[in-house]
Amino acid sequence: MSTDCQRWLWEQLGQKCVTNLKKNGFDASLADTTDQARDIVMALTADCESFGFGGSATVRGLGLVEVFRQMGKTVHDHWQAGLTKEQDLAIRLAQGRCDCFLCSANAVALTGEIVNVDGIGNRTAAMSFGPAKVIIVAGMNKVTADLASALARIREVAAPLRAKSLNMATPCAETGICTDCHAPQRICRITTILHRRPSLTEVAVVLVNTPLGF
């Protein structure tokens, strides 16, 4: 399939997904490029002073951690090098009380649901309650036809790739296949589905017409 055809298909699916996300109460938009996605995020966060970042390769790929630090904003980032266990925990807790929490999603259903699986839970907790505003950035490679296929994508694609990228000692990081394991380093421990926007939290979803993250 040519790149142009793939982009056309994702444009059609992305617009439908945005429509359904809006029906479910989310502020949703489709960006054509990562630069446009960054501009949308900056506009959405103009009134924010403190930011939390989940463990997202997608969001970090937009360079937002560096942008907000250069602006003098407070950034809660547990991916900083050299943190002690206590510092890491304190940062994860602070992410849940910031002005804006930024993360990605493991899967977004075309029908308007957002699905995530965590190992610790700071991301899934912050996405539903705590921060005043949540912004989810996801490449169109994470959009699936429905809720069932979103859950399947996590098991079959996102989880093995993420475990491999983190060098986890799990069966899926060795074979690429989920076995619903009991490995101590298992990263799939908490599953959340945002069927509708949480009542007390502003949630914006920025889909990007390019493959991003796992």
C-alpha atoms as a PDB file:
ATOM      1  CA  MET A   1       0.000   0.000   0.000  1.00  0.00           C
ATOM      2  CA  SER A   2       1.388   3.419  -0.928  1.00  0.00           C
ATOM      3  CA  THR A   3       2.017   6.045   1.702  1.00  0.00           C
ATOM      4  CA  ASP A   4      -0.548   8.362   0.106  1.00  0.00           C
ATOM      5  CA  CYS A   5      -3.224   5.679   0.213  1.00  0.00           C
ATOM      6  CA  GLN A   6      -2.433   4.881   3.835  1.00  0.00           C
ATOM      7  CA  ARG A   7      -2.682   8.535   4.792  1.00  0.00           C
ATOM      8  CA  TRP A   8      -5.990   8.834   2.926  1.00  0.00           C
ATOM      9  CA  LEU A   9      -7.409   5.825   4.750  1.00  0.00           C
ATOM     10  CA  TRP A  10      -6.252   7.080   8.153  1.00  0.00           C
ATOM     11  CA  GLU A  11      -7.716  10.515   7.354  1.00  0.00           C
ATOM     12  CA  GLN A  12     -11.147   8.955   6.749  1.00  0.00           C
ATOM     13  CA  LEU A  13     -10.955   6.745   9.843  1.00  0.00           C
ATOM     14  CA  GLY A  14      -9.500   9.538  11.954  1.00  0.00           C
ATOM     15  CA  GLN A  15     -12.341  11.909  11.185  1.00  0.00           C
ATOM     16  CA  LYS A  16     -14.894   9.229  12.065  1.00  0.00           C
ATOM     17  CA  CYS A  17     -13.045   8.471  15.298  1.00  0.00           C
ATOM     18  CA  VAL A  18     -12.943  12.181  16.201  1.00  0.00           C
ATOM     19  CA  THR A  19     -16.702  12.416  15.648  1.00  0.00           C
ATOM     20  CA  ASN A  20     -17.362   9.450  17.950  1.00  0.00           C
ATOM     21  CA  LEU A  21     -14.937  10.685  20.604  1.00  0.00           C
ATOM     22  CA  LYS A  22     -16.792  14.008  20.652  1.00  0.00           C
ATOM     23  CA  LYS A  23     -20.097  12.165  21.026  1.00  0.00           C
ATOM     24  CA  ASN A  24     -18.589  10.531  24.120  1.00  0.00           C
ATOM     25  CA  GLY A  25     -17.697  13.903  25.619  1.00  0.00           C
ATOM     26  CA  PHE A  26     -14.020  14.140  24.689  1.00  0.00           C
ATOM     27  CA  ASP A  27     -12.428  17.171  23.041  1.00  0.00           C
ATOM     28  CA  ALA A  28     -10.989  15.488  19.950  1.00  0.00           C
ATOM     29  CA  SER A  29      -9.022  16.556  16.897  1.00  0.00           C
ATOM     30  CA  LEU A  30      -7.019  15.035  14.052  1.00  0.00           C
ATOM     31  CA  ALA A  31      -3.598  16.466  13.269  1.00  0.00           C
ATOM     32  CA  ASP A  32      -1.974  15.866   9.897  1.00  0.00           C
ATOM     33  CA  THR A  33       1.594  15.954  11.264  1.00  0.00           C
ATOM     34  CA  THR A  34       3.456  15.818  14.567  1.00  0.00           C
ATOM     35  CA  ASP A  35       4.217  19.535  14.237  1.00  0.00           C
ATOM     36  CA  GLN A  36       0.508  20.269  13.979  1.00  0.00           C
ATOM     37  CA  ALA A  37      -0.158  17.988  16.941  1.00  0.00           C
ATOM     38  CA  ARG A  38       2.400  19.935  18.997  1.00  0.00           C
ATOM     39  CA  ASP A  39       0.694  23.214  18.055  1.00  0.00           C
ATOM     40  CA  ILE A  40      -2.674  21.825  19.172  1.00  0.00           C
ATOM     41  CA  VAL A  41      -1.214  20.721  22.514  1.00  0.00           C
ATOM     42  CA  MET A  42       0.407  24.109  23.063  1.00  0.00           C
ATOM     43  CA  ALA A  43      -2.903  25.873  22.414  1.00  0.00           C
ATOM     44  CA  LEU A  44      -4.745  23.540  24.788  1.00  0.00           C
ATOM     45  CA  THR A  45      -2.205  24.114  27.578  1.00  0.00           C
ATOM     46  CA  ALA A  46      -1.773  27.887  27.338  1.00  0.00           C
ATOM     47  CA  ASP A  47      -3.225  28.385  30.833  1.00  0.00           C
ATOM     48  CA  CYS A  48      -1.349  25.508  32.522  1.00  0.00           C
ATOM     49  CA  GLU A  49       1.673  25.912  34.799  1.00  0.00           C
ATOM     50  CA  SER A  50       2.419  22.335  35.905  1.00  0.00           C
ATOM     51  CA  PHE A  51       2.656  19.248  33.733  1.00  0.00           C
ATOM     52  CA  GLY A  52       2.859  15.533  34.337  1.00  0.00           C
ATOM     53  CA  PHE A  53       4.138  13.081  31.745  1.00  0.00           C
ATOM     54  CA  GLY A  54       3.227   9.419  31.588  1.00  0.00           C
ATOM     55  CA  GLY A  55       5.734   6.931  30.237  1.00  0.00           C
ATOM     56  CA  SER A  56       4.862   7.774  26.635  1.00  0.00           C
ATOM     57  CA  ALA A  57       7.268   7.535  23.719  1.00  0.00           C
ATOM     58  CA  THR A  58       4.641   9.306  21.589  1.00  0.00           C
ATOM     59  CA  VAL A  59       4.359  12.431  23.745  1.00  0.00           C
ATOM     60  CA  ARG A  60       8.089  12.637  24.369  1.00  0.00           C
ATOM     61  CA  GLY A  61       8.671  12.371  20.633  1.00  0.00           C
ATOM     62  CA  LEU A  62       6.914  15.715  20.257  1.00  0.00           C
ATOM     63  CA  GLY A  63       9.607  17.330  22.420  1.00  0.00           C
ATOM     64  CA  LEU A  64       7.080  18.660  24.907  1.00  0.00           C
ATOM     65  CA  VAL A  65       9.122  17.907  28.034  1.00  0.00           C
ATOM     66  CA  GLU A  66      11.904  20.166  26.789  1.00  0.00           C
ATOM     67  CA  VAL A  67       9.496  22.841  25.527  1.00  0.00           C
ATOM     68  CA  PHE A  68       7.724  23.226  28.864  1.00  0.00           C
ATOM     69  CA  ARG A  69      10.979  23.229  30.822  1.00  0.00           C
ATOM     70  CA  GLN A  70      12.366  25.981  28.589  1.00  0.00           C
ATOM     71  CA  MET A  71       9.182  27.955  29.276  1.00  0.00           C
ATOM     72  CA  GLY A  72       9.834  27.702  33.011  1.00  0.00           C
ATOM     73  CA  LYS A  73       6.877  25.424  33.685  1.00  0.00           C
ATOM     74  CA  THR A  74       6.877  22.790  36.429  1.00  0.00           C
ATOM     75  CA  VAL A  75       7.439  19.355  34.864  1.00  0.00           C
ATOM     76  CA  HIS A  76       6.862  16.070  36.692  1.00  0.00           C
ATOM     77  CA  ASP A  77       8.801  13.494  34.665  1.00  0.00           C
ATOM     78  CA  HIS A  78       9.708  10.127  36.178  1.00  0.00           C
ATOM     79  CA  TRP A  79      11.929   9.317  33.193  1.00  0.00           C
ATOM     80  CA  GLN A  80      14.647  11.637  34.514  1.00  0.00           C
ATOM     81  CA  ALA A  81      17.963   9.912  34.985  1.00  0.00           C
ATOM     82  CA  GLY A  82      19.362   9.237  38.441  1.00  0.00           C
ATOM     83  CA  LEU A  83      16.132   9.299  40.446  1.00  0.00           C
ATOM     84  CA  THR A  84      15.936   7.381  43.688  1.00  0.00           C
ATOM     85  CA  LYS A  85      12.980   5.083  44.297  1.00  0.00           C
ATOM     86  CA  GLU A  86      11.494   7.667  46.635  1.00  0.00           C
ATOM     87  CA  GLN A  87      11.914  10.489  44.101  1.00  0.00           C
ATOM     88  CA  ASP A  88      10.364   8.364  41.361  1.00  0.00           C
ATOM     89  CA  LEU A  89       7.317   7.657  43.528  1.00  0.00           C
ATOM     90  CA  ALA A  90       6.937  11.313  44.507  1.00  0.00           C
ATOM     91  CA  ILE A  91       6.957  12.373  40.856  1.00  0.00           C
ATOM     92  CA  ARG A  92       4.360   9.752  39.891  1.00  0.00           C
ATOM     93  CA  LEU A  93       2.115  10.984  42.695  1.00  0.00           C
ATOM     94  CA  ALA A  94       2.584  14.621  41.621  1.00  0.00           C
ATOM     95  CA  GLN A  95       1.541  13.705  38.068  1.00  0.00           C
ATOM     96  CA  GLY A  96      -1.907  13.029  39.459  1.00  0.00           C
ATOM     97  CA  ARG A  97      -2.286  16.563  40.856  1.00  0.00           C
ATOM     98  CA  CYS A  98      -0.858  18.723  38.095  1.00  0.00           C
ATOM     99  CA  ASP A  99      -2.627  21.248  35.864  1.00  0.00           C
ATOM    100  CA  CYS A 100      -2.208  19.026  32.814  1.00  0.00           C
ATOM    101  CA  PHE A 101      -1.272  15.373  32.412  1.00  0.00           C
ATOM    102  CA  LEU A 102       0.039  14.279  29.008  1.00  0.00           C
ATOM    103  CA  CYS A 103       0.164  10.697  27.830  1.00  0.00           C
ATOM    104  CA  SER A 104      -0.712   8.418  24.950  1.00  0.00           C
ATOM    105  CA  ALA A 105      -3.140   5.515  24.670  1.00  0.00           C
ATOM    106  CA  ASN A 106      -2.498   1.855  23.993  1.00  0.00           C
ATOM    107  CA  ALA A 107      -5.532   1.771  21.723  1.00  0.00           C
ATOM    108  CA  VAL A 108      -8.390   4.033  20.627  1.00  0.00           C
ATOM    109  CA  ALA A 109     -11.552   2.415  19.311  1.00  0.00           C
ATOM    110  CA  LEU A 110     -13.153   3.928  16.233  1.00  0.00           C
ATOM    111  CA  THR A 111     -16.368   3.856  18.253  1.00  0.00           C
ATOM    112  CA  GLY A 112     -14.936   6.415  20.683  1.00  0.00           C
ATOM    113  CA  GLU A 113     -13.468   4.471  23.619  1.00  0.00           C
ATOM    114  CA  ILE A 114      -9.917   4.872  24.932  1.00  0.00           C
ATOM    115  CA  VAL A 115      -8.195   1.739  26.247  1.00  0.00           C
ATOM    116  CA  ASN A 116      -5.049   1.510  28.357  1.00  0.00           C
ATOM    117  CA  VAL A 117      -3.118  -1.149  30.254  1.00  0.00           C
ATOM    118  CA  ASP A 118      -0.590  -0.232  32.959  1.00  0.00           C
ATOM    119  CA  GLY A 119       1.806  -2.042  35.214  1.00  0.00           C
ATOM    120  CA  ILE A 120       1.959   0.550  38.022  1.00  0.00           C
ATOM    121  CA  GLY A 121      -1.176   2.603  37.422  1.00  0.00           C
ATOM    122  CA  ASN A 122      -0.007   6.209  37.720  1.00  0.00           C
ATOM    123  CA  ARG A 123      -1.004   6.825  34.104  1.00  0.00           C
ATOM    124  CA  THR A 124      -4.378   5.115  34.205  1.00  0.00           C
ATOM    125  CA  ALA A 125      -5.180   6.831  37.513  1.00  0.00           C
ATOM    126  CA  ALA A 126      -4.188  10.308  36.302  1.00  0.00           C
ATOM    127  CA  MET A 127      -6.130   9.897  33.062  1.00  0.00           C
ATOM    128  CA  SER A 128      -9.421   9.550  34.907  1.00  0.00           C
ATOM    129  CA  PHE A 129      -9.147  11.777  38.005  1.00  0.00           C
ATOM    130  CA  GLY A 130      -6.720  14.229  39.581  1.00  0.00           C
ATOM    131  CA  PRO A 131      -5.263  16.604  37.003  1.00  0.00           C
ATOM    132  CA  ALA A 132      -7.464  19.471  35.861  1.00  0.00           C
ATOM    133  CA  LYS A 133      -6.785  18.562  32.252  1.00  0.00           C
ATOM    134  CA  VAL A 134      -5.626  15.423  30.423  1.00  0.00           C
ATOM    135  CA  ILE A 135      -4.280  15.378  26.869  1.00  0.00           C
ATOM    136  CA  ILE A 136      -3.912  12.065  25.051  1.00  0.00           C
ATOM    137  CA  VAL A 137      -1.825  12.004  21.863  1.00  0.00           C
ATOM    138  CA  ALA A 138      -2.020   8.905  19.680  1.00  0.00           C
ATOM    139  CA  GLY A 139      -0.884   7.955  16.209  1.00  0.00           C
ATOM    140  CA  MET A 140      -3.491   6.506  13.866  1.00  0.00           C
ATOM    141  CA  ASN A 141      -1.699   3.159  14.093  1.00  0.00           C
ATOM    142  CA  LYS A 142      -3.414   2.810  17.485  1.00  0.00           C
ATOM    143  CA  VAL A 143      -6.963   3.243  16.172  1.00  0.00           C
ATOM    144  CA  THR A 144      -8.930   0.013  15.845  1.00  0.00           C
ATOM    145  CA  ALA A 145     -12.412  -0.836  14.616  1.00  0.00           C
ATOM    146  CA  ASP A 146     -14.101  -1.361  17.980  1.00  0.00           C
ATOM    147  CA  LEU A 147     -13.580  -2.030  21.675  1.00  0.00           C
ATOM    148  CA  ALA A 148     -12.857  -5.744  21.231  1.00  0.00           C
ATOM    149  CA  SER A 149     -10.158  -5.078  18.639  1.00  0.00           C
ATOM    150  CA  ALA A 150      -8.688  -2.332  20.839  1.00  0.00           C
ATOM    151  CA  LEU A 151      -8.228  -4.825  23.668  1.00  0.00           C
ATOM    152  CA  ALA A 152      -6.795  -7.340  21.202  1.00  0.00           C
ATOM    153  CA  ARG A 153      -4.326  -4.777  19.867  1.00  0.00           C
ATOM    154  CA  ILE A 154      -2.905  -4.283  23.328  1.00  0.00           C
ATOM    155  CA  ARG A 155      -2.336  -8.001  23.849  1.00  0.00           C
ATOM    156  CA  GLU A 156      -1.054  -8.715  20.357  1.00  0.00           C
ATOM    157  CA  VAL A 157       0.905  -5.566  19.492  1.00  0.00           C
ATOM    158  CA  ALA A 158       1.349  -2.883  22.145  1.00  0.00           C
ATOM    159  CA  ALA A 159       2.234  -5.021  25.158  1.00  0.00           C
ATOM    160  CA  PRO A 160       4.876  -7.248  23.494  1.00  0.00           C
ATOM    161  CA  LEU A 161       6.516  -4.263  21.813  1.00  0.00           C
ATOM    162  CA  ARG A 162       6.519  -2.198  24.997  1.00  0.00           C
ATOM    163  CA  ALA A 163       7.869  -5.054  27.107  1.00  0.00           C
ATOM    164  CA  LYS A 164      10.614  -5.616  24.530  1.00  0.00           C
ATOM    165  CA  SER A 165      11.515  -1.916  24.442  1.00  0.00           C
ATOM    166  CA  LEU A 166      11.861  -1.895  28.243  1.00  0.00           C
ATOM    167  CA  ASN A 167      13.916  -5.110  28.261  1.00  0.00           C
ATOM    168  CA  MET A 168      11.404  -6.768  30.567  1.00  0.00           C
ATOM    169  CA  ALA A 169      11.866 -10.411  31.546  1.00  0.00           C
ATOM    170  CA  THR A 170       8.452 -11.513  30.289  1.00  0.00           C
ATOM    171  CA  PRO A 171       7.378 -14.241  27.846  1.00  0.00           C
ATOM    172  CA  CYS A 172       5.973 -11.699  25.375  1.00  0.00           C
ATOM    173  CA  ALA A 173       9.323  -9.861  25.263  1.00  0.00           C
ATOM    174  CA  GLU A 174      10.917 -13.155  24.188  1.00  0.00           C
ATOM    175  CA  THR A 175       8.293 -14.624  21.850  1.00  0.00           C
ATOM    176  CA  GLY A 176       6.106 -11.672  20.892  1.00  0.00           C
ATOM    177  CA  ILE A 177       3.049 -13.583  22.127  1.00  0.00           C
ATOM    178  CA  CYS A 178       1.023 -12.815  25.253  1.00  0.00           C
ATOM    179  CA  THR A 179       0.588 -15.807  27.568  1.00  0.00           C
ATOM    180  CA  ASP A 180      -1.246 -13.999  30.400  1.00  0.00           C
ATOM    181  CA  CYS A 181       1.885 -14.602  32.453  1.00  0.00           C
ATOM    182  CA  HIS A 182       2.742 -14.335  36.147  1.00  0.00           C
ATOM    183  CA  ALA A 183       6.193 -12.875  35.477  1.00  0.00           C
ATOM    184  CA  PRO A 184       7.395 -10.477  38.209  1.00  0.00           C
ATOM    185  CA  GLN A 185       8.086  -7.838  35.539  1.00  0.00           C
ATOM    186  CA  ARG A 186       4.690  -8.213  33.868  1.00  0.00           C
ATOM    187  CA  ILE A 187       3.566  -4.782  32.605  1.00  0.00           C
ATOM    188  CA  CYS A 188      -0.111  -5.692  32.023  1.00  0.00           C
ATOM    189  CA  ARG A 189      -1.709  -5.426  35.461  1.00  0.00           C
ATOM    190  CA  ILE A 190      -4.388  -2.731  35.222  1.00  0.00           C
ATOM    191  CA  THR A 191      -6.850  -2.227  32.361  1.00  0.00           C
ATOM    192  CA  THR A 192      -8.944   0.926  32.039  1.00  0.00           C
ATOM    193  CA  ILE A 193     -11.525   1.890  29.444  1.00  0.00           C
ATOM    194  CA  LEU A 194     -12.698   5.476  29.123  1.00  0.00           C
ATOM    195  CA  HIS A 195     -16.165   4.843  27.703  1.00  0.00           C
ATOM    196  CA  ARG A 196     -17.070   8.500  28.204  1.00  0.00           C
ATOM    197  CA  ARG A 197     -15.208  11.568  29.454  1.00  0.00           C
ATOM    198  CA  PRO A 198     -14.750  11.329  33.230  1.00  0.00           C
ATOM    199  CA  SER A 199     -17.237  13.695  34.874  1.00  0.00           C
ATOM    200  CA  LEU A 200     -14.734  15.975  36.635  1.00  0.00           C
ATOM    201  CA  THR A 201     -11.817  15.883  34.189  1.00  0.00           C
ATOM    202  CA  GLU A 202     -11.253  17.704  30.896  1.00  0.00           C
ATOM    203  CA  VAL A 203      -9.896  15.146  28.420  1.00  0.00           C
ATOM    204  CA  ALA A 204      -8.624  16.079  24.968  1.00  0.00           C
ATOM    205  CA  VAL A 205      -7.562  13.500  22.384  1.00  0.00           C
ATOM    206  CA  VAL A 206      -5.200  14.472  19.581  1.00  0.00           C
ATOM    207  CA  LEU A 207      -4.984  11.819  16.866  1.00  0.00           C
ATOM    208  CA  VAL A 208      -2.068  12.155  14.469  1.00  0.00           C
ATOM    209  CA  ASN A 209      -2.153  10.898  10.881  1.00  0.00           C
ATOM    210  CA  THR A 210       1.131   9.022  11.220  1.00  0.00           C
ATOM    211  CA  PRO A 211       2.357   5.938  13.109  1.00  0.00           C
ATOM    212  CA  LEU A 212       3.572   6.846  16.608  1.00  0.00           C
ATOM    213  CA  GLY A 213       4.608   4.791  19.624  1.00  0.00           C
ATOM    214  CA  PHE A 214       3.859   1.142  20.275  1.00  0.00           C
END
